[in-house]
Each structure stands twice: as C-alpha cells, then as structure tokens.
Amino acid sequence: DRSGGSLAAASRFGAELGASADTLARLAPGSGGRPLEDGEVLTPEPGLSVTVIHAPGHSADHVCYLAEPGRRLFAGDLVLGQGSSAILHPDGRVADCLASLARLIALRPGPLLPGHGPPVEAAMPRLEEYRRHRLERERQVRAAIEAGRRTVPEIRETVYGRLPPGLTWAAN
C-alpha cells in the first residue's frame, strides 16, 4: 500500500525496482521491475545478506526482509512499532496474516524494524503479541456473529465500540 512512489524512487536513484510479482503488476505492468522470489537472498554489499519473505496478511503482496548479520526483520506494515496494523480490504486476509506471523516467529528474528513506529529491539515478543491479538480479534468477531450481528457496521460496533469516523475504515 506504500509502493506507489517506488517507480519514481528507482528512477531517481538509478536503481532496479524489485518487488513481489503482484506489486509489480499493480504498479505498472511492463515497467521493467524484477520480481523478488520468496526465499531469495540478496547481497547488496559484501557481508550483508537480505532474505525476501513473502508475508501476506496486511495486503496480498506484502513482503518482509530478514537482514544478516543481526537477524534484523524489516516488517513493513505487517507488524508496527506500536499499535496494530490494518488488514486491508480487498486482498488482506486474517488467515494469511496469522500464517505470515507464524512463519516470522519460526525465523526467530532479532530486532524488528517496522514500516511505522519505533524499532522494536526484541521482535519475538512483539510478533507473539500480534498473533495473540489477531486470534483474540477473530474470537470477538465470531462471538459477535453468534450473537446475531450480521452487517459489517453491527459487527464493528460490537467488537470495537463506537469509533471516531476517521477510524471506521480500518476496522471494516
């Protein structure tokens, strides 16, 4: 969801654009960018390796990066430095988010560098907190449906209470 400026940035800095195939297709088909494969290891300089991790959930085309040395996880918008991330309609999926979180937890990263908010020195507790939060939110939605809520606004209000108008889009 933040990739719109990447073509201009690649052009300005004379860099090759690399992104997930879905992101490249959405940005500008035929733009010449290179699809990054899940598990691909990039070596931008000697002694530094960056592993590409397709991590859908926030959006279907979301990618994280694990940098060595230091096991630094560049989490983008999947996990924020504070608060919780939106799962974006129409292609974000809770099940994908949970699978991506499980995958990142299995990698046992060190520091987490989010797309928003401060760095998180210990990624594991934050990733586990996100997983628990998503599971709890899923439980709340199921309970709202079991209680007879049927529309998105009804479910949203049951789960979140009344929200300021500027936040209702993120809770849909």
C-alpha atoms as a PDB file:
ATOM      1  CA  ASP A   1       0.000   0.000   0.000  1.00  0.00           C
ATOM      2  CA  ARG A   2       3.042   2.280   0.175  1.00  0.00           C
ATOM      3  CA  SER A   3       4.665   1.197  -3.072  1.00  0.00           C
ATOM      4  CA  GLY A   4       3.225   3.952  -5.260  1.00  0.00           C
ATOM      5  CA  GLY A   5       6.392   6.054  -5.139  1.00  0.00           C
ATOM      6  CA  SER A   6       8.770   3.191  -5.829  1.00  0.00           C
ATOM      7  CA  LEU A   7       8.965   3.700  -9.609  1.00  0.00           C
ATOM      8  CA  ALA A   8       9.910   7.354  -9.148  1.00  0.00           C
ATOM      9  CA  ALA A   9      12.444   6.468  -6.434  1.00  0.00           C
ATOM     10  CA  ALA A  10      14.053   3.745  -8.566  1.00  0.00           C
ATOM     11  CA  SER A  11      14.313   6.178 -11.467  1.00  0.00           C
ATOM     12  CA  ARG A  12      15.718   8.994  -9.339  1.00  0.00           C
ATOM     13  CA  PHE A  13      18.402   6.807  -7.753  1.00  0.00           C
ATOM     14  CA  GLY A  14      19.160   4.752 -10.861  1.00  0.00           C
ATOM     15  CA  ALA A  15      18.205   1.572  -9.030  1.00  0.00           C
ATOM     16  CA  GLU A  16      16.495  -1.535 -10.303  1.00  0.00           C
ATOM     17  CA  LEU A  17      12.977  -1.866  -8.901  1.00  0.00           C
ATOM     18  CA  GLY A  18      12.470  -5.138  -7.061  1.00  0.00           C
ATOM     19  CA  ALA A  19       9.138  -6.158  -5.554  1.00  0.00           C
ATOM     20  CA  SER A  20       6.711  -9.047  -5.371  1.00  0.00           C
ATOM     21  CA  ALA A  21       5.264 -10.016  -8.753  1.00  0.00           C
ATOM     22  CA  ASP A  22       1.822  -8.860  -7.565  1.00  0.00           C
ATOM     23  CA  THR A  23       3.168  -5.440  -6.600  1.00  0.00           C
ATOM     24  CA  LEU A  24       4.918  -5.026  -9.949  1.00  0.00           C
ATOM     25  CA  ALA A  25       1.753  -5.999 -11.820  1.00  0.00           C
ATOM     26  CA  ARG A  26      -0.266  -3.468  -9.815  1.00  0.00           C
ATOM     27  CA  LEU A  27       2.253  -0.624 -10.126  1.00  0.00           C
ATOM     28  CA  ALA A  28       2.979  -0.625 -13.813  1.00  0.00           C
ATOM     29  CA  PRO A  29       2.809  -3.745 -15.927  1.00  0.00           C
ATOM     30  CA  GLY A  30       5.859  -3.914 -18.171  1.00  0.00           C
ATOM     31  CA  SER A  31       7.760  -1.334 -16.114  1.00  0.00           C
ATOM     32  CA  GLY A  32      10.891  -3.442 -16.097  1.00  0.00           C
ATOM     33  CA  GLY A  33      10.946  -4.179 -12.390  1.00  0.00           C
ATOM     34  CA  ARG A  34      12.298  -7.510 -11.181  1.00  0.00           C
ATOM     35  CA  PRO A  35      10.040  -9.841  -9.224  1.00  0.00           C
ATOM     36  CA  LEU A  36      11.593 -10.891  -5.938  1.00  0.00           C
ATOM     37  CA  GLU A  37      11.088 -14.559  -5.142  1.00  0.00           C
ATOM     38  CA  ASP A  38      10.151 -15.802  -1.703  1.00  0.00           C
ATOM     39  CA  GLY A  39      13.339 -17.028  -0.017  1.00  0.00           C
ATOM     40  CA  GLU A  40      15.604 -15.205  -2.474  1.00  0.00           C
ATOM     41  CA  VAL A  41      18.792 -13.928  -0.848  1.00  0.00           C
ATOM     42  CA  LEU A  42      20.019 -10.509  -1.935  1.00  0.00           C
ATOM     43  CA  THR A  43      23.595  -9.384  -1.284  1.00  0.00           C
ATOM     44  CA  PRO A  44      23.601  -5.587  -1.614  1.00  0.00           C
ATOM     45  CA  GLU A  45      27.181  -5.413  -0.320  1.00  0.00           C
ATOM     46  CA  PRO A  46      29.844  -7.825   0.929  1.00  0.00           C
ATOM     47  CA  GLY A  47      28.997  -9.203   4.359  1.00  0.00           C
ATOM     48  CA  LEU A  48      25.293  -8.290   4.128  1.00  0.00           C
ATOM     49  CA  SER A  49      22.557 -10.649   3.052  1.00  0.00           C
ATOM     50  CA  VAL A  50      18.857  -9.908   2.892  1.00  0.00           C
ATOM     51  CA  THR A  51      16.304 -12.704   2.560  1.00  0.00           C
ATOM     52  CA  VAL A  52      12.993 -11.917   0.849  1.00  0.00           C
ATOM     53  CA  ILE A  53       9.972 -13.205   2.771  1.00  0.00           C
ATOM     54  CA  HIS A  54       6.572 -13.052   1.137  1.00  0.00           C
ATOM     55  CA  ALA A  55       4.327 -12.257   4.095  1.00  0.00           C
ATOM     56  CA  PRO A  56       0.731 -11.631   3.018  1.00  0.00           C
ATOM     57  CA  GLY A  57      -1.867 -10.532   5.514  1.00  0.00           C
ATOM     58  CA  HIS A  58      -1.770  -6.750   5.651  1.00  0.00           C
ATOM     59  CA  SER A  59      -2.091  -6.993   1.873  1.00  0.00           C
ATOM     60  CA  ALA A  60      -1.710  -9.918  -0.515  1.00  0.00           C
ATOM     61  CA  ASP A  61       1.554  -8.601  -1.976  1.00  0.00           C
ATOM     62  CA  HIS A  62       3.302  -7.746   1.310  1.00  0.00           C
ATOM     63  CA  VAL A  63       6.994  -8.608   1.648  1.00  0.00           C
ATOM     64  CA  CYS A  64       9.294  -8.579   4.685  1.00  0.00           C
ATOM     65  CA  TYR A  65      13.084  -8.802   4.690  1.00  0.00           C
ATOM     66  CA  LEU A  66      15.444 -10.557   7.107  1.00  0.00           C
ATOM     67  CA  ALA A  67      18.927  -8.984   7.116  1.00  0.00           C
ATOM     68  CA  GLU A  68      22.104 -10.691   8.277  1.00  0.00           C
ATOM     69  CA  PRO A  69      24.125 -10.177  10.289  1.00  0.00           C
ATOM     70  CA  GLY A  70      21.901  -9.334  13.225  1.00  0.00           C
ATOM     71  CA  ARG A  71      18.672 -11.076  12.109  1.00  0.00           C
ATOM     72  CA  ARG A  72      17.036  -7.659  11.633  1.00  0.00           C
ATOM     73  CA  LEU A  73      13.472  -8.049  10.401  1.00  0.00           C
ATOM     74  CA  PHE A  74      12.154  -5.297   8.154  1.00  0.00           C
ATOM     75  CA  ALA A  75       8.455  -5.923   8.787  1.00  0.00           C
ATOM     76  CA  GLY A  76       6.871  -3.191   6.650  1.00  0.00           C
ATOM     77  CA  ASP A  77       3.217  -2.829   7.653  1.00  0.00           C
ATOM     78  CA  LEU A  78       2.631  -6.425   8.770  1.00  0.00           C
ATOM     79  CA  VAL A  79       3.801  -5.548  12.308  1.00  0.00           C
ATOM     80  CA  LEU A  80       4.082  -1.965  13.543  1.00  0.00           C
ATOM     81  CA  GLY A  81       6.333  -0.480  16.187  1.00  0.00           C
ATOM     82  CA  GLN A  82       3.263   0.339  18.271  1.00  0.00           C
ATOM     83  CA  GLY A  83      -0.440  -0.266  17.885  1.00  0.00           C
ATOM     84  CA  SER A  84      -1.792  -2.795  15.421  1.00  0.00           C
ATOM     85  CA  SER A  85      -1.768  -2.941  11.655  1.00  0.00           C
ATOM     86  CA  ALA A  86      -4.850  -2.955   9.443  1.00  0.00           C
ATOM     87  CA  ILE A  87      -5.639  -5.927   7.261  1.00  0.00           C
ATOM     88  CA  LEU A  88      -6.532  -4.107   4.066  1.00  0.00           C
ATOM     89  CA  HIS A  89      -9.629  -4.823   2.012  1.00  0.00           C
ATOM     90  CA  PRO A  90      -9.964  -6.283  -0.554  1.00  0.00           C
ATOM     91  CA  ASP A  91      -6.873  -8.505  -0.533  1.00  0.00           C
ATOM     92  CA  GLY A  92      -5.687  -8.551   3.080  1.00  0.00           C
ATOM     93  CA  ARG A  93      -6.663 -11.754   4.900  1.00  0.00           C
ATOM     94  CA  VAL A  94      -6.563 -12.658   8.590  1.00  0.00           C
ATOM     95  CA  ALA A  95      -5.639 -16.279   7.796  1.00  0.00           C
ATOM     96  CA  ASP A  96      -2.711 -15.073   5.660  1.00  0.00           C
ATOM     97  CA  CYS A  97      -1.642 -12.681   8.412  1.00  0.00           C
ATOM     98  CA  LEU A  98      -1.651 -15.480  11.005  1.00  0.00           C
ATOM     99  CA  ALA A  99       0.357 -17.749   8.677  1.00  0.00           C
ATOM    100  CA  SER A 100       2.868 -14.962   7.993  1.00  0.00           C
ATOM    101  CA  LEU A 101       3.239 -14.227  11.701  1.00  0.00           C
ATOM    102  CA  ALA A 102       3.840 -17.933  12.409  1.00  0.00           C
ATOM    103  CA  ARG A 103       6.462 -18.005   9.668  1.00  0.00           C
ATOM    104  CA  LEU A 104       8.251 -14.935  11.042  1.00  0.00           C
ATOM    105  CA  ILE A 105       8.142 -16.323  14.591  1.00  0.00           C
ATOM    106  CA  ALA A 106       9.768 -19.546  13.310  1.00  0.00           C
ATOM    107  CA  LEU A 107      12.637 -17.447  11.887  1.00  0.00           C
ATOM    108  CA  ARG A 108      13.409 -16.117  15.395  1.00  0.00           C
ATOM    109  CA  PRO A 109      14.437 -12.613  14.296  1.00  0.00           C
ATOM    110  CA  GLY A 110      16.343 -10.155  16.466  1.00  0.00           C
ATOM    111  CA  PRO A 111      15.302  -6.507  16.207  1.00  0.00           C
ATOM    112  CA  LEU A 112      12.147  -5.603  14.300  1.00  0.00           C
ATOM    113  CA  LEU A 113      12.170  -2.574  12.022  1.00  0.00           C
ATOM    114  CA  PRO A 114       8.557  -1.687  11.181  1.00  0.00           C
ATOM    115  CA  GLY A 115       7.215   0.494   8.414  1.00  0.00           C
ATOM    116  CA  HIS A 116       5.593   2.710  11.071  1.00  0.00           C
ATOM    117  CA  GLY A 117       6.538   3.394  14.664  1.00  0.00           C
ATOM    118  CA  PRO A 118       9.737   2.898  16.577  1.00  0.00           C
ATOM    119  CA  PRO A 119      12.109  -0.034  16.142  1.00  0.00           C
ATOM    120  CA  VAL A 120      11.423  -2.966  18.459  1.00  0.00           C
ATOM    121  CA  GLU A 121      14.610  -4.402  19.959  1.00  0.00           C
ATOM    122  CA  ALA A 122      13.116  -7.842  20.649  1.00  0.00           C
ATOM    123  CA  ALA A 123      10.962  -8.976  17.734  1.00  0.00           C
ATOM    124  CA  MET A 124       9.756 -12.259  19.240  1.00  0.00           C
ATOM    125  CA  PRO A 125       7.514 -10.824  21.987  1.00  0.00           C
ATOM    126  CA  ARG A 126       6.034  -8.314  19.522  1.00  0.00           C
ATOM    127  CA  LEU A 127       5.334 -10.990  16.900  1.00  0.00           C
ATOM    128  CA  GLU A 128       3.746 -13.251  19.510  1.00  0.00           C
ATOM    129  CA  GLU A 129       1.680 -10.324  20.825  1.00  0.00           C
ATOM    130  CA  TYR A 130       0.417  -9.637  17.285  1.00  0.00           C
ATOM    131  CA  ARG A 131      -0.507 -13.289  16.819  1.00  0.00           C
ATOM    132  CA  ARG A 132      -2.447 -13.340  20.120  1.00  0.00           C
ATOM    133  CA  HIS A 133      -4.148 -10.053  19.205  1.00  0.00           C
ATOM    134  CA  ARG A 134      -5.278 -11.372  15.796  1.00  0.00           C
ATOM    135  CA  LEU A 135      -6.598 -14.597  17.345  1.00  0.00           C
ATOM    136  CA  GLU A 136      -8.474 -12.627  20.014  1.00  0.00           C
ATOM    137  CA  ARG A 137      -9.967 -10.277  17.420  1.00  0.00           C
ATOM    138  CA  GLU A 138     -11.092 -13.295  15.375  1.00  0.00           C
ATOM    139  CA  ARG A 139     -12.733 -14.730  18.511  1.00  0.00           C
ATOM    140  CA  GLN A 140     -14.533 -11.416  19.083  1.00  0.00           C
ATOM    141  CA  VAL A 141     -15.853 -11.304  15.515  1.00  0.00           C
ATOM    142  CA  ARG A 142     -17.117 -14.888  15.764  1.00  0.00           C
ATOM    143  CA  ALA A 143     -18.826 -14.072  19.072  1.00  0.00           C
ATOM    144  CA  ALA A 144     -20.494 -11.023  17.510  1.00  0.00           C
ATOM    145  CA  ILE A 145     -21.824 -13.158  14.648  1.00  0.00           C
ATOM    146  CA  GLU A 146     -23.027 -15.821  17.085  1.00  0.00           C
ATOM    147  CA  ALA A 147     -24.828 -13.040  18.996  1.00  0.00           C
ATOM    148  CA  GLY A 148     -26.779 -12.186  15.846  1.00  0.00           C
ATOM    149  CA  ARG A 149     -24.735  -9.337  14.383  1.00  0.00           C
ATOM    150  CA  ARG A 150     -24.865  -9.659  10.589  1.00  0.00           C
ATOM    151  CA  THR A 151     -23.651  -6.465   8.941  1.00  0.00           C
ATOM    152  CA  VAL A 152     -20.130  -5.062   8.980  1.00  0.00           C
ATOM    153  CA  PRO A 153     -21.238  -1.960  10.945  1.00  0.00           C
ATOM    154  CA  GLU A 154     -23.003  -4.154  13.538  1.00  0.00           C
ATOM    155  CA  ILE A 155     -20.009  -6.432  13.948  1.00  0.00           C
ATOM    156  CA  ARG A 156     -17.587  -3.493  14.030  1.00  0.00           C
ATOM    157  CA  GLU A 157     -19.525  -1.707  16.773  1.00  0.00           C
ATOM    158  CA  THR A 158     -19.825  -4.899  18.828  1.00  0.00           C
ATOM    159  CA  VAL A 159     -16.098  -5.583  18.604  1.00  0.00           C
ATOM    160  CA  TYR A 160     -14.695  -2.039  18.832  1.00  0.00           C
ATOM    161  CA  GLY A 161     -17.492   0.041  20.331  1.00  0.00           C
ATOM    162  CA  ARG A 162     -18.092   3.464  18.829  1.00  0.00           C
ATOM    163  CA  LEU A 163     -15.108   4.673  16.848  1.00  0.00           C
ATOM    164  CA  PRO A 164     -14.295   8.156  15.610  1.00  0.00           C
ATOM    165  CA  PRO A 165     -15.361   8.467  11.942  1.00  0.00           C
ATOM    166  CA  GLY A 166     -11.730   8.589  10.773  1.00  0.00           C
ATOM    167  CA  LEU A 167     -11.028   5.113  12.161  1.00  0.00           C
ATOM    168  CA  THR A 168     -14.045   3.140  10.968  1.00  0.00           C
ATOM    169  CA  TRP A 169     -12.426   2.340   7.593  1.00  0.00           C
ATOM    170  CA  ALA A 170      -9.554   0.499   9.329  1.00  0.00           C
ATOM    171  CA  ALA A 171     -11.965  -1.596  11.392  1.00  0.00           C
ATOM    172  CA  ASN A 172     -14.059  -2.746   8.432  1.00  0.00           C
END
